[in-house]
Amino acid sequence: MEQLIFQKFLKKTDIASRLSFPSKCLKKLPDFQGRHVVDLQVRDKRGFFWRFRCSIRKRSHPKPVLSGDWHKFAVSKGLSIGDEVKLFKEIDQATGALLHYRVEVKKLINMKLFGVSIEHAPPIIL
């Protein structure tokens, strides 16, 4: 069984350095146990595992971000502004135990017809 943690259309900063996501999604991640970082083992479509480091601010609003292997992942997948990223938590139905996290990417396809961009081109899932 899988549970969506968040989905986001990428911005320039998400690709260049770290991926920010809404604070409300933190409740779906492991407890930080008083620390400001936690590492997530995240599987991509090809079965390769990446170490995404989730960190929050030490003070005030947590503002979570993913770093660690995130930038390598973004570069290796050729991610661009407007691509959609989804992070899932996969759980064993029998025990309720966490199996792993999974990342899914939908590439924004910029298609033109007679020189005009078509907004709703079908996505490519990586």
PDB file of N, CA and C in Angstrom:
ATOM      1  N   MET A   1       0.848  -1.164   0.000  1.00  0.00           N
ATOM      2  CA  MET A   1       0.000   0.000   0.000  1.00  0.00           C
ATOM      3  C   MET A   1       0.902   1.238   0.000  1.00  0.00           C
ATOM      4  N   GLU A   2       0.503   2.239  -0.750  1.00  0.00           N
ATOM      5  CA  GLU A   2       1.315   3.454  -0.766  1.00  0.00           C
ATOM      6  C   GLU A   2       0.492   4.664  -0.361  1.00  0.00           C
ATOM      7  N   GLN A   3       1.198   5.636   0.200  1.00  0.00           N
ATOM      8  CA  GLN A   3       0.562   6.869   0.660  1.00  0.00           C
ATOM      9  C   GLN A   3       1.341   8.034   0.066  1.00  0.00           C
ATOM     10  N   LEU A   4       0.628   8.943  -0.575  1.00  0.00           N
ATOM     11  CA  LEU A   4       1.262  10.132  -1.135  1.00  0.00           C
ATOM     12  C   LEU A   4       1.685  11.056   0.000  1.00  0.00           C
ATOM     13  N   ILE A   5       2.953  11.464  -0.013  1.00  0.00           N
ATOM     14  CA  ILE A   5       3.450  12.417   0.981  1.00  0.00           C
ATOM     15  C   ILE A   5       3.272  13.829   0.448  1.00  0.00           C
ATOM     16  N   PHE A   6       3.744  14.066  -0.781  1.00  0.00           N
ATOM     17  CA  PHE A   6       3.516  15.366  -1.416  1.00  0.00           C
ATOM     18  C   PHE A   6       3.719  15.246  -2.912  1.00  0.00           C
ATOM     19  N   GLN A   7       3.211  16.233  -3.626  1.00  0.00           N
ATOM     20  CA  GLN A   7       3.479  16.377  -5.051  1.00  0.00           C
ATOM     21  C   GLN A   7       3.752  17.846  -5.299  1.00  0.00           C
ATOM     22  N   LYS A   8       4.643  18.115  -6.245  1.00  0.00           N
ATOM     23  CA  LYS A   8       5.038  19.499  -6.475  1.00  0.00           C
ATOM     24  C   LYS A   8       5.503  19.677  -7.908  1.00  0.00           C
ATOM     25  N   PHE A   9       5.164  20.827  -8.482  1.00  0.00           N
ATOM     26  CA  PHE A   9       5.712  21.228  -9.765  1.00  0.00           C
ATOM     27  C   PHE A   9       6.995  21.990  -9.462  1.00  0.00           C
ATOM     28  N   LEU A  10       8.081  21.565 -10.079  1.00  0.00           N
ATOM     29  CA  LEU A  10       9.398  22.089  -9.731  1.00  0.00           C
ATOM     30  C   LEU A  10       9.628  23.528 -10.150  1.00  0.00           C
ATOM     31  N   LYS A  11      10.356  24.222  -9.292  1.00  0.00           N
ATOM     32  CA  LYS A  11      10.804  25.589  -9.557  1.00  0.00           C
ATOM     33  C   LYS A  11      12.321  25.558  -9.715  1.00  0.00           C
ATOM     34  N   LYS A  12      12.887  26.672 -10.108  1.00  0.00           N
ATOM     35  CA  LYS A  12      14.330  26.752 -10.361  1.00  0.00           C
ATOM     36  C   LYS A  12      15.158  26.296  -9.154  1.00  0.00           C
ATOM     37  N   THR A  13      14.825  26.776  -7.966  1.00  0.00           N
ATOM     38  CA  THR A  13      15.589  26.423  -6.762  1.00  0.00           C
ATOM     39  C   THR A  13      15.492  24.941  -6.443  1.00  0.00           C
ATOM     40  N   ASP A  14      14.337  24.332  -6.712  1.00  0.00           N
ATOM     41  CA  ASP A  14      14.155  22.904  -6.445  1.00  0.00           C
ATOM     42  C   ASP A  14      15.143  22.062  -7.244  1.00  0.00           C
ATOM     43  N   ILE A  15      15.473  22.505  -8.426  1.00  0.00           N
ATOM     44  CA  ILE A  15      16.376  21.756  -9.301  1.00  0.00           C
ATOM     45  C   ILE A  15      17.829  22.095  -9.001  1.00  0.00           C
ATOM     46  N   ALA A  16      18.112  23.362  -8.774  1.00  0.00           N
ATOM     47  CA  ALA A  16      19.489  23.829  -8.591  1.00  0.00           C
ATOM     48  C   ALA A  16      20.107  23.411  -7.261  1.00  0.00           C
ATOM     49  N   SER A  17      19.304  23.319  -6.197  1.00  0.00           N
ATOM     50  CA  SER A  17      19.906  23.002  -4.905  1.00  0.00           C
ATOM     51  C   SER A  17      19.091  22.015  -4.077  1.00  0.00           C
ATOM     52  N   ARG A  18      17.958  22.422  -3.582  1.00  0.00           N
ATOM     53  CA  ARG A  18      17.152  21.552  -2.730  1.00  0.00           C
ATOM     54  C   ARG A  18      15.666  21.723  -3.030  1.00  0.00           C
ATOM     55  N   LEU A  19      14.929  20.665  -2.736  1.00  0.00           N
ATOM     56  CA  LEU A  19      13.492  20.643  -3.007  1.00  0.00           C
ATOM     57  C   LEU A  19      12.722  20.986  -1.733  1.00  0.00           C
ATOM     58  N   SER A  20      11.999  22.085  -1.763  1.00  0.00           N
ATOM     59  CA  SER A  20      11.160  22.446  -0.611  1.00  0.00           C
ATOM     60  C   SER A  20       9.767  21.855  -0.812  1.00  0.00           C
ATOM     61  N   PHE A  21       9.104  21.592   0.313  1.00  0.00           N
ATOM     62  CA  PHE A  21       7.743  21.060   0.242  1.00  0.00           C
ATOM     63  C   PHE A  21       6.961  21.534   1.467  1.00  0.00           C
ATOM     64  N   PRO A  22       5.630  21.425   1.449  1.00  0.00           N
ATOM     65  CA  PRO A  22       4.801  21.965   2.530  1.00  0.00           C
ATOM     66  C   PRO A  22       5.063  21.319   3.894  1.00  0.00           C
ATOM     67  N   SER A  23       5.053  22.134   4.932  1.00  0.00           N
ATOM     68  CA  SER A  23       5.278  21.669   6.312  1.00  0.00           C
ATOM     69  C   SER A  23       4.240  20.641   6.753  1.00  0.00           C
ATOM     70  N   LYS A  24       3.014  20.755   6.239  1.00  0.00           N
ATOM     71  CA  LYS A  24       1.957  19.821   6.658  1.00  0.00           C
ATOM     72  C   LYS A  24       2.288  18.371   6.292  1.00  0.00           C
ATOM     73  N   CYS A  25       3.225  18.172   5.368  1.00  0.00           N
ATOM     74  CA  CYS A  25       3.609  16.825   4.944  1.00  0.00           C
ATOM     75  C   CYS A  25       4.563  16.149   5.925  1.00  0.00           C
ATOM     76  N   LEU A  26       5.118  16.906   6.856  1.00  0.00           N
ATOM     77  CA  LEU A  26       6.076  16.354   7.820  1.00  0.00           C
ATOM     78  C   LEU A  26       5.474  15.237   8.662  1.00  0.00           C
ATOM     79  N   LYS A  27       4.169  15.304   8.929  1.00  0.00           N
ATOM     80  CA  LYS A  27       3.531  14.279   9.763  1.00  0.00           C
ATOM     81  C   LYS A  27       3.550  12.902   9.097  1.00  0.00           C
ATOM     82  N   LYS A  28       3.794  12.851   7.790  1.00  0.00           N
ATOM     83  CA  LYS A  28       3.843  11.580   7.069  1.00  0.00           C
ATOM     84  C   LYS A  28       5.264  11.021   6.991  1.00  0.00           C
ATOM     85  N   LEU A  29       6.232  11.752   7.560  1.00  0.00           N
ATOM     86  CA  LEU A  29       7.634  11.334   7.550  1.00  0.00           C
ATOM     87  C   LEU A  29       8.027  10.828   8.934  1.00  0.00           C
ATOM     88  N   PRO A  30       9.199  10.175   9.048  1.00  0.00           N
ATOM     89  CA  PRO A  30       9.625   9.694  10.368  1.00  0.00           C
ATOM     90  C   PRO A  30       9.816  10.848  11.353  1.00  0.00           C
ATOM     91  N   ASP A  31       9.721  10.515  12.628  1.00  0.00           N
ATOM     92  CA  ASP A  31       9.935  11.501  13.685  1.00  0.00           C
ATOM     93  C   ASP A  31      11.399  11.957  13.658  1.00  0.00           C
ATOM     94  N   PHE A  32      11.613  13.235  13.782  1.00  0.00           N
ATOM     95  CA  PHE A  32      12.969  13.789  13.766  1.00  0.00           C
ATOM     96  C   PHE A  32      13.680  13.569  15.104  1.00  0.00           C
ATOM     97  N   GLN A  33      12.965  13.138  16.127  1.00  0.00           N
ATOM     98  CA  GLN A  33      13.506  12.833  17.457  1.00  0.00           C
ATOM     99  C   GLN A  33      14.402  13.947  17.992  1.00  0.00           C
ATOM    100  N   GLY A  34      13.913  15.169  17.898  1.00  0.00           N
ATOM    101  CA  GLY A  34      14.645  16.307  18.430  1.00  0.00           C
ATOM    102  C   GLY A  34      15.750  16.838  17.536  1.00  0.00           C
ATOM    103  N   ARG A  35      16.015  16.160  16.440  1.00  0.00           N
ATOM    104  CA  ARG A  35      17.050  16.622  15.507  1.00  0.00           C
ATOM    105  C   ARG A  35      16.392  17.453  14.417  1.00  0.00           C
ATOM    106  N   HIS A  36      17.200  18.024  13.550  1.00  0.00           N
ATOM    107  CA  HIS A  36      16.621  18.804  12.448  1.00  0.00           C
ATOM    108  C   HIS A  36      16.836  18.135  11.089  1.00  0.00           C
ATOM    109  N   VAL A  37      17.382  16.910  11.083  1.00  0.00           N
ATOM    110  CA  VAL A  37      17.544  16.163   9.825  1.00  0.00           C
ATOM    111  C   VAL A  37      17.142  14.703  10.015  1.00  0.00           C
ATOM    112  N   VAL A  38      16.664  14.111   8.923  1.00  0.00           N
ATOM    113  CA  VAL A  38      16.390  12.679   8.885  1.00  0.00           C
ATOM    114  C   VAL A  38      16.663  12.222   7.453  1.00  0.00           C
ATOM    115  N   ASP A  39      17.307  11.059   7.308  1.00  0.00           N
ATOM    116  CA  ASP A  39      17.623  10.530   5.981  1.00  0.00           C
ATOM    117  C   ASP A  39      16.537   9.562   5.530  1.00  0.00           C
ATOM    118  N   LEU A  40      16.160   9.668   4.261  1.00  0.00           N
ATOM    119  CA  LEU A  40      15.144   8.805   3.662  1.00  0.00           C
ATOM    120  C   LEU A  40      15.780   8.012   2.532  1.00  0.00           C
ATOM    121  N   GLN A  41      15.564   6.699   2.527  1.00  0.00           N
ATOM    122  CA  GLN A  41      15.990   5.870   1.406  1.00  0.00           C
ATOM    123  C   GLN A  41      14.832   5.858   0.414  1.00  0.00           C
ATOM    124  N   VAL A  42      15.077   6.406  -0.767  1.00  0.00           N
ATOM    125  CA  VAL A  42      14.008   6.622  -1.742  1.00  0.00           C
ATOM    126  C   VAL A  42      14.318   5.857  -3.023  1.00  0.00           C
ATOM    127  N   ARG A  43      13.353   5.049  -3.470  1.00  0.00           N
ATOM    128  CA  ARG A  43      13.523   4.234  -4.677  1.00  0.00           C
ATOM    129  C   ARG A  43      12.905   4.950  -5.871  1.00  0.00           C
ATOM    130  N   ASP A  44      13.640   4.928  -6.994  1.00  0.00           N
ATOM    131  CA  ASP A  44      13.086   5.514  -8.218  1.00  0.00           C
ATOM    132  C   ASP A  44      12.427   4.428  -9.063  1.00  0.00           C
ATOM    133  N   LYS A  45      11.913   4.792 -10.220  1.00  0.00           N
ATOM    134  CA  LYS A  45      11.176   3.861 -11.085  1.00  0.00           C
ATOM    135  C   LYS A  45      12.024   2.670 -11.521  1.00  0.00           C
ATOM    136  N   ARG A  46      13.314   2.884 -11.663  1.00  0.00           N
ATOM    137  CA  ARG A  46      14.211   1.811 -12.112  1.00  0.00           C
ATOM    138  C   ARG A  46      14.694   0.922 -10.969  1.00  0.00           C
ATOM    139  N   GLY A  47      14.262   1.224  -9.736  1.00  0.00           N
ATOM    140  CA  GLY A  47      14.644   0.411  -8.586  1.00  0.00           C
ATOM    141  C   GLY A  47      15.918   0.873  -7.892  1.00  0.00           C
ATOM    142  N   PHE A  48      16.498   1.971  -8.349  1.00  0.00           N
ATOM    143  CA  PHE A  48      17.716   2.508  -7.739  1.00  0.00           C
ATOM    144  C   PHE A  48      17.335   3.299  -6.490  1.00  0.00           C
ATOM    145  N   PHE A  49      18.134   3.153  -5.432  1.00  0.00           N
ATOM    146  CA  PHE A  49      17.863   3.876  -4.193  1.00  0.00           C
ATOM    147  C   PHE A  49      18.737   5.115  -4.081  1.00  0.00           C
ATOM    148  N   TRP A  50      18.124   6.184  -3.615  1.00  0.00           N
ATOM    149  CA  TRP A  50      18.781   7.470  -3.397  1.00  0.00           C
ATOM    150  C   TRP A  50      18.615   7.841  -1.930  1.00  0.00           C
ATOM    151  N   ARG A  51      19.612   8.535  -1.361  1.00  0.00           N
ATOM    152  CA  ARG A  51      19.501   9.017   0.016  1.00  0.00           C
ATOM    153  C   ARG A  51      19.111  10.492  -0.027  1.00  0.00           C
ATOM    154  N   PHE A  52      17.847  10.754   0.249  1.00  0.00           N
ATOM    155  CA  PHE A  52      17.371  12.136   0.327  1.00  0.00           C
ATOM    156  C   PHE A  52      17.415  12.543   1.801  1.00  0.00           C
ATOM    157  N   ARG A  53      18.064  13.639   2.086  1.00  0.00           N
ATOM    158  CA  ARG A  53      18.134  14.154   3.458  1.00  0.00           C
ATOM    159  C   ARG A  53      17.045  15.202   3.623  1.00  0.00           C
ATOM    160  N   CYS A  54      16.133  14.936   4.540  1.00  0.00           N
ATOM    161  CA  CYS A  54      15.067  15.888   4.841  1.00  0.00           C
ATOM    162  C   CYS A  54      15.510  16.706   6.046  1.00  0.00           C
ATOM    163  N   SER A  55      15.509  18.013   5.896  1.00  0.00           N
ATOM    164  CA  SER A  55      15.899  18.868   7.020  1.00  0.00           C
ATOM    165  C   SER A  55      14.849  19.951   7.244  1.00  0.00           C
ATOM    166  N   ILE A  56      14.802  20.380   8.487  1.00  0.00           N
ATOM    167  CA  ILE A  56      13.897  21.457   8.884  1.00  0.00           C
ATOM    168  C   ILE A  56      14.710  22.505   9.637  1.00  0.00           C
ATOM    169  N   ARG A  57      14.166  23.703   9.714  1.00  0.00           N
ATOM    170  CA  ARG A  57      14.827  24.769  10.475  1.00  0.00           C
ATOM    171  C   ARG A  57      14.836  24.417  11.955  1.00  0.00           C
ATOM    172  N   LYS A  58      15.868  24.891  12.635  1.00  0.00           N
ATOM    173  CA  LYS A  58      15.967  24.637  14.077  1.00  0.00           C
ATOM    174  C   LYS A  58      15.002  25.511  14.868  1.00  0.00           C
ATOM    175  N   ARG A  59      14.665  26.663  14.309  1.00  0.00           N
ATOM    176  CA  ARG A  59      13.774  27.601  15.005  1.00  0.00           C
ATOM    177  C   ARG A  59      12.633  28.018  14.085  1.00  0.00           C
ATOM    178  N   SER A  60      11.590  28.525  14.680  1.00  0.00           N
ATOM    179  CA  SER A  60      10.396  29.047  13.999  1.00  0.00           C
ATOM    180  C   SER A  60       9.774  28.036  13.039  1.00  0.00           C
ATOM    181  N   HIS A  61       9.249  28.520  11.937  1.00  0.00           N
ATOM    182  CA  HIS A  61       8.562  27.680  10.938  1.00  0.00           C
ATOM    183  C   HIS A  61       9.523  26.618  10.396  1.00  0.00           C
ATOM    184  N   PRO A  62       9.130  25.324  10.381  1.00  0.00           N
ATOM    185  CA  PRO A  62      10.068  24.262   9.990  1.00  0.00           C
ATOM    186  C   PRO A  62      10.590  24.327   8.547  1.00  0.00           C
ATOM    187  N   LYS A  63       9.771  24.741   7.581  1.00  0.00           N
ATOM    188  CA  LYS A  63      10.145  24.831   6.163  1.00  0.00           C
ATOM    189  C   LYS A  63      11.023  23.650   5.704  1.00  0.00           C
ATOM    190  N   PRO A  64      10.426  22.470   5.524  1.00  0.00           N
ATOM    191  CA  PRO A  64      11.205  21.284   5.158  1.00  0.00           C
ATOM    192  C   PRO A  64      11.764  21.339   3.734  1.00  0.00           C
ATOM    193  N   VAL A  65      12.954  20.752   3.586  1.00  0.00           N
ATOM    194  CA  VAL A  65      13.597  20.645   2.272  1.00  0.00           C
ATOM    195  C   VAL A  65      14.255  19.278   2.142  1.00  0.00           C
ATOM    196  N   LEU A  66      14.381  18.808   0.907  1.00  0.00           N
ATOM    197  CA  LEU A  66      15.135  17.591   0.611  1.00  0.00           C
ATOM    198  C   LEU A  66      16.454  17.992  -0.027  1.00  0.00           C
ATOM    199  N   SER A  67      17.545  17.416   0.485  1.00  0.00           N
ATOM    200  CA  SER A  67      18.870  17.639  -0.100  1.00  0.00           C
ATOM    201  C   SER A  67      19.546  16.269  -0.190  1.00  0.00           C
ATOM    202  N   GLY A  68      20.817  16.157   0.152  1.00  0.00           N
ATOM    203  CA  GLY A  68      21.510  14.877   0.024  1.00  0.00           C
ATOM    204  C   GLY A  68      21.635  14.526  -1.447  1.00  0.00           C
ATOM    205  N   ASP A  69      21.147  13.335  -1.814  1.00  0.00           N
ATOM    206  CA  ASP A  69      21.210  12.894  -3.217  1.00  0.00           C
ATOM    207  C   ASP A  69      20.164  13.567  -4.098  1.00  0.00           C
ATOM    208  N   TRP A  70      19.335  14.448  -3.547  1.00  0.00           N
ATOM    209  CA  TRP A  70      18.288  15.076  -4.347  1.00  0.00           C
ATOM    210  C   TRP A  70      18.855  15.741  -5.594  1.00  0.00           C
ATOM    211  N   HIS A  71      19.908  16.530  -5.444  1.00  0.00           N
ATOM    212  CA  HIS A  71      20.460  17.258  -6.598  1.00  0.00           C
ATOM    213  C   HIS A  71      20.994  16.283  -7.653  1.00  0.00           C
ATOM    214  N   LYS A  72      21.693  15.230  -7.214  1.00  0.00           N
ATOM    215  CA  LYS A  72      22.187  14.207  -8.162  1.00  0.00           C
ATOM    216  C   LYS A  72      21.019  13.561  -8.899  1.00  0.00           C
ATOM    217  N   PHE A  73      19.950  13.282  -8.158  1.00  0.00           N
ATOM    218  CA  PHE A  73      18.750  12.697  -8.749  1.00  0.00           C
ATOM    219  C   PHE A  73      18.179  13.629  -9.811  1.00  0.00           C
ATOM    220  N   ALA A  74      18.031  14.910  -9.463  1.00  0.00           N
ATOM    221  CA  ALA A  74      17.462  15.898 -10.388  1.00  0.00           C
ATOM    222  C   ALA A  74      18.290  16.003 -11.663  1.00  0.00           C
ATOM    223  N   VAL A  75      19.614  16.009 -11.518  1.00  0.00           N
ATOM    224  CA  VAL A  75      20.506  16.102 -12.681  1.00  0.00           C
ATOM    225  C   VAL A  75      20.418  14.827 -13.513  1.00  0.00           C
ATOM    226  N   SER A  76      20.451  13.666 -12.851  1.00  0.00           N
ATOM    227  CA  SER A  76      20.442  12.396 -13.592  1.00  0.00           C
ATOM    228  C   SER A  76      19.145  12.183 -14.367  1.00  0.00           C
ATOM    229  N   LYS A  77      18.050  12.731 -13.861  1.00  0.00           N
ATOM    230  CA  LYS A  77      16.754  12.588 -14.536  1.00  0.00           C
ATOM    231  C   LYS A  77      16.480  13.732 -15.506  1.00  0.00           C
ATOM    232  N   GLY A  78      17.395  14.703 -15.563  1.00  0.00           N
ATOM    233  CA  GLY A  78      17.208  15.841 -16.468  1.00  0.00           C
ATOM    234  C   GLY A  78      15.989  16.672 -16.117  1.00  0.00           C
ATOM    235  N   LEU A  79      15.747  16.863 -14.821  1.00  0.00           N
ATOM    236  CA  LEU A  79      14.548  17.587 -14.395  1.00  0.00           C
ATOM    237  C   LEU A  79      14.604  19.051 -14.796  1.00  0.00           C
ATOM    238  N   SER A  80      13.441  19.600 -15.090  1.00  0.00           N
ATOM    239  CA  SER A  80      13.305  20.988 -15.538  1.00  0.00           C
ATOM    240  C   SER A  80      12.187  21.674 -14.770  1.00  0.00           C
ATOM    241  N   ILE A  81      12.179  22.986 -14.850  1.00  0.00           N
ATOM    242  CA  ILE A  81      11.112  23.775 -14.242  1.00  0.00           C
ATOM    243  C   ILE A  81       9.772  23.316 -14.827  1.00  0.00           C
ATOM    244  N   GLY A  82       8.797  23.077 -13.946  1.00  0.00           N
ATOM    245  CA  GLY A  82       7.473  22.642 -14.393  1.00  0.00           C
ATOM    246  C   GLY A  82       7.258  21.144 -14.329  1.00  0.00           C
ATOM    247  N   ASP A  83       8.350  20.350 -14.242  1.00  0.00           N
ATOM    248  CA  ASP A  83       8.183  18.906 -14.074  1.00  0.00           C
ATOM    249  C   ASP A  83       7.511  18.654 -12.730  1.00  0.00           C
ATOM    250  N   GLU A  84       6.782  17.546 -12.635  1.00  0.00           N
ATOM    251  CA  GLU A  84       6.078  17.224 -11.390  1.00  0.00           C
ATOM    252  C   GLU A  84       6.791  16.093 -10.662  1.00  0.00           C
ATOM    253  N   VAL A  85       6.989  16.270  -9.357  1.00  0.00           N
ATOM    254  CA  VAL A  85       7.599  15.245  -8.514  1.00  0.00           C
ATOM    255  C   VAL A  85       6.580  14.820  -7.471  1.00  0.00           C
ATOM    256  N   LYS A  86       6.488  13.507  -7.260  1.00  0.00           N
ATOM    257  CA  LYS A  86       5.630  12.966  -6.201  1.00  0.00           C
ATOM    258  C   LYS A  86       6.489  12.072  -5.315  1.00  0.00           C
ATOM    259  N   LEU A  87       6.323  12.205  -4.011  1.00  0.00           N
ATOM    260  CA  LEU A  87       7.011  11.339  -3.059  1.00  0.00           C
ATOM    261  C   LEU A  87       5.960  10.502  -2.342  1.00  0.00           C
ATOM    262  N   PHE A  88       6.175   9.189  -2.338  1.00  0.00           N
ATOM    263  CA  PHE A  88       5.247   8.249  -1.717  1.00  0.00           C
ATOM    264  C   PHE A  88       5.933   7.498  -0.584  1.00  0.00           C
ATOM    265  N   LYS A  89       5.120   7.014   0.333  1.00  0.00           N
ATOM    266  CA  LYS A  89       5.583   6.116   1.387  1.00  0.00           C
ATOM    267  C   LYS A  89       4.932   4.772   1.098  1.00  0.00           C
ATOM    268  N   GLU A  90       5.741   3.711   0.954  1.00  0.00           N
ATOM    269  CA  GLU A  90       5.193   2.378   0.696  1.00  0.00           C
ATOM    270  C   GLU A  90       5.188   1.588   2.000  1.00  0.00           C
ATOM    271  N   ILE A  91       4.010   1.058   2.335  1.00  0.00           N
ATOM    272  CA  ILE A  91       3.790   0.401   3.622  1.00  0.00           C
ATOM    273  C   ILE A  91       3.336  -1.041   3.403  1.00  0.00           C
ATOM    274  N   ASP A  92       3.852  -1.959   4.212  1.00  0.00           N
ATOM    275  CA  ASP A  92       3.440  -3.360   4.180  1.00  0.00           C
ATOM    276  C   ASP A  92       2.010  -3.438   4.718  1.00  0.00           C
ATOM    277  N   GLN A  93       1.080  -3.956   3.908  1.00  0.00           N
ATOM    278  CA  GLN A  93      -0.331  -4.005   4.314  1.00  0.00           C
ATOM    279  C   GLN A  93      -0.552  -4.910   5.517  1.00  0.00           C
ATOM    280  N   ALA A  94       0.190  -6.004   5.597  1.00  0.00           N
ATOM    281  CA  ALA A  94      -0.015  -6.963   6.685  1.00  0.00           C
ATOM    282  C   ALA A  94       0.452  -6.414   8.031  1.00  0.00           C
ATOM    283  N   THR A  95       1.611  -5.765   8.042  1.00  0.00           N
ATOM    284  CA  THR A  95       2.198  -5.331   9.313  1.00  0.00           C
ATOM    285  C   THR A  95       2.074  -3.836   9.576  1.00  0.00           C
ATOM    286  N   GLY A  96       1.853  -3.059   8.521  1.00  0.00           N
ATOM    287  CA  GLY A  96       1.811  -1.607   8.671  1.00  0.00           C
ATOM    288  C   GLY A  96       3.191  -0.981   8.742  1.00  0.00           C
ATOM    289  N   ALA A  97       4.228  -1.800   8.551  1.00  0.00           N
ATOM    290  CA  ALA A  97       5.608  -1.306   8.628  1.00  0.00           C
ATOM    291  C   ALA A  97       5.995  -0.592   7.332  1.00  0.00           C
ATOM    292  N   LEU A  98       6.842   0.399   7.484  1.00  0.00           N
ATOM    293  CA  LEU A  98       7.355   1.128   6.324  1.00  0.00           C
ATOM    294  C   LEU A  98       8.281   0.225   5.525  1.00  0.00           C
ATOM    295  N   LEU A  99       8.045   0.112   4.223  1.00  0.00           N
ATOM    296  CA  LEU A  99       8.939  -0.647   3.357  1.00  0.00           C
ATOM    297  C   LEU A  99      10.033   0.272   2.818  1.00  0.00           C
ATOM    298  N   HIS A 100       9.630   1.370   2.211  1.00  0.00           N
ATOM    299  CA  HIS A 100      10.564   2.374   1.693  1.00  0.00           C
ATOM    300  C   HIS A 100       9.762   3.557   1.154  1.00  0.00           C
ATOM    301  N   TYR A 101      10.497   4.555   0.706  1.00  0.00           N
ATOM    302  CA  TYR A 101       9.888   5.709   0.051  1.00  0.00           C
ATOM    303  C   TYR A 101      10.102   5.546  -1.444  1.00  0.00           C
ATOM    304  N   ARG A 102       9.217   6.160  -2.227  1.00  0.00           N
ATOM    305  CA  ARG A 102       9.319   6.054  -3.683  1.00  0.00           C
ATOM    306  C   ARG A 102       9.112   7.433  -4.286  1.00  0.00           C
ATOM    307  N   VAL A 103       9.923   7.748  -5.298  1.00  0.00           N
ATOM    308  CA  VAL A 103       9.802   9.030  -5.987  1.00  0.00           C
ATOM    309  C   VAL A 103       9.334   8.778  -7.414  1.00  0.00           C
ATOM    310  N   GLU A 104       8.439   9.623  -7.875  1.00  0.00           N
ATOM    311  CA  GLU A 104       7.919   9.530  -9.244  1.00  0.00           C
ATOM    312  C   GLU A 104       8.026  10.914  -9.876  1.00  0.00           C
ATOM    313  N   VAL A 105       8.454  10.939 -11.122  1.00  0.00           N
ATOM    314  CA  VAL A 105       8.615  12.204 -11.841  1.00  0.00           C
ATOM    315  C   VAL A 105       7.788  12.166 -13.113  1.00  0.00           C
ATOM    316  N   LYS A 106       7.075  13.248 -13.382  1.00  0.00           N
ATOM    317  CA  LYS A 106       6.385  13.412 -14.664  1.00  0.00           C
ATOM    318  C   LYS A 106       7.007  14.619 -15.343  1.00  0.00           C
ATOM    319  N   LYS A 107       7.645  14.360 -16.476  1.00  0.00           N
ATOM    320  CA  LYS A 107       8.300  15.428 -17.229  1.00  0.00           C
ATOM    321  C   LYS A 107       7.257  16.257 -17.966  1.00  0.00           C
ATOM    322  N   LEU A 108       7.422  17.553 -17.885  1.00  0.00           N
ATOM    323  CA  LEU A 108       6.578  18.467 -18.638  1.00  0.00           C
ATOM    324  C   LEU A 108       7.049  18.429 -20.089  1.00  0.00           C
ATOM    325  N   ILE A 109       6.161  18.138 -20.979  1.00  0.00           N
ATOM    326  CA  ILE A 109       6.503  18.095 -22.396  1.00  0.00           C
ATOM    327  C   ILE A 109       6.055  19.408 -23.027  1.00  0.00           C
ATOM    328  N   ASN A 110       7.004  20.139 -23.546  1.00  0.00           N
ATOM    329  CA  ASN A 110       6.684  21.415 -24.180  1.00  0.00           C
ATOM    330  C   ASN A 110       6.513  21.167 -25.676  1.00  0.00           C
ATOM    331  N   MET A 111       5.282  20.987 -26.094  1.00  0.00           N
ATOM    332  CA  MET A 111       4.996  20.716 -27.502  1.00  0.00           C
ATOM    333  C   MET A 111       4.450  21.971 -28.170  1.00  0.00           C
ATOM    334  N   LYS A 112       4.788  22.111 -29.423  1.00  0.00           N
ATOM    335  CA  LYS A 112       4.271  23.249 -30.189  1.00  0.00           C
ATOM    336  C   LYS A 112       3.538  22.737 -31.421  1.00  0.00           C
ATOM    337  N   LEU A 113       2.459  23.404 -31.739  1.00  0.00           N
ATOM    338  CA  LEU A 113       1.682  23.094 -32.925  1.00  0.00           C
ATOM    339  C   LEU A 113       1.579  24.386 -33.716  1.00  0.00           C
ATOM    340  N   PHE A 114       2.157  24.382 -34.885  1.00  0.00           N
ATOM    341  CA  PHE A 114       2.204  25.587 -35.724  1.00  0.00           C
ATOM    342  C   PHE A 114       2.819  26.770 -34.965  1.00  0.00           C
ATOM    343  N   GLY A 115       3.879  26.465 -34.171  1.00  0.00           N
ATOM    344  CA  GLY A 115       4.606  27.505 -33.446  1.00  0.00           C
ATOM    345  C   GLY A 115       3.956  27.968 -32.158  1.00  0.00           C
ATOM    346  N   VAL A 116       2.838  27.329 -31.769  1.00  0.00           N
ATOM    347  CA  VAL A 116       2.141  27.714 -30.542  1.00  0.00           C
ATOM    348  C   VAL A 116       2.282  26.587 -29.521  1.00  0.00           C
ATOM    349  N   SER A 117       2.687  26.934 -28.271  1.00  0.00           N
ATOM    350  CA  SER A 117       2.828  25.929 -27.216  1.00  0.00           C
ATOM    351  C   SER A 117       1.487  25.297 -26.892  1.00  0.00           C
ATOM    352  N   ILE A 118       1.509  23.979 -26.715  1.00  0.00           N
ATOM    353  CA  ILE A 118       0.321  23.236 -26.302  1.00  0.00           C
ATOM    354  C   ILE A 118       0.470  22.985 -24.807  1.00  0.00           C
ATOM    355  N   GLU A 119      -0.447  23.497 -24.011  1.00  0.00           N
ATOM    356  CA  GLU A 119      -0.349  23.442 -22.551  1.00  0.00           C
ATOM    357  C   GLU A 119      -0.467  22.034 -21.976  1.00  0.00           C
ATOM    358  N   HIS A 120      -1.344  21.215 -22.507  1.00  0.00           N
ATOM    359  CA  HIS A 120      -1.646  19.948 -21.856  1.00  0.00           C
ATOM    360  C   HIS A 120      -1.099  18.751 -22.627  1.00  0.00           C
ATOM    361  N   ALA A 121       0.195  18.774 -22.877  1.00  0.00           N
ATOM    362  CA  ALA A 121       0.822  17.628 -23.535  1.00  0.00           C
ATOM    363  C   ALA A 121       0.895  16.478 -22.533  1.00  0.00           C
ATOM    364  N   PRO A 122       0.809  15.240 -23.001  1.00  0.00           N
ATOM    365  CA  PRO A 122       0.853  14.107 -22.071  1.00  0.00           C
ATOM    366  C   PRO A 122       2.215  14.026 -21.378  1.00  0.00           C
ATOM    367  N   PRO A 123       2.224  13.726 -20.058  1.00  0.00           N
ATOM    368  CA  PRO A 123       3.492  13.653 -19.327  1.00  0.00           C
ATOM    369  C   PRO A 123       4.234  12.351 -19.602  1.00  0.00           C
ATOM    370  N   ILE A 124       5.517  12.365 -19.339  1.00  0.00           N
ATOM    371  CA  ILE A 124       6.346  11.160 -19.412  1.00  0.00           C
ATOM    372  C   ILE A 124       6.744  10.827 -17.988  1.00  0.00           C
ATOM    373  N   ILE A 125       6.443   9.627 -17.521  1.00  0.00           N
ATOM    374  CA  ILE A 125       6.789   9.228 -16.158  1.00  0.00           C
ATOM    375  C   ILE A 125       8.167   8.593 -16.171  1.00  0.00           C
ATOM    376  N   LEU A 126       9.062   9.125 -15.314  1.00  0.00           N
ATOM    377  CA  LEU A 126      10.424   8.587 -15.188  1.00  0.00           C
ATOM    378  C   LEU A 126      10.543   7.742 -13.953  1.00  0.00           C
TER     379      LEU A 126
END
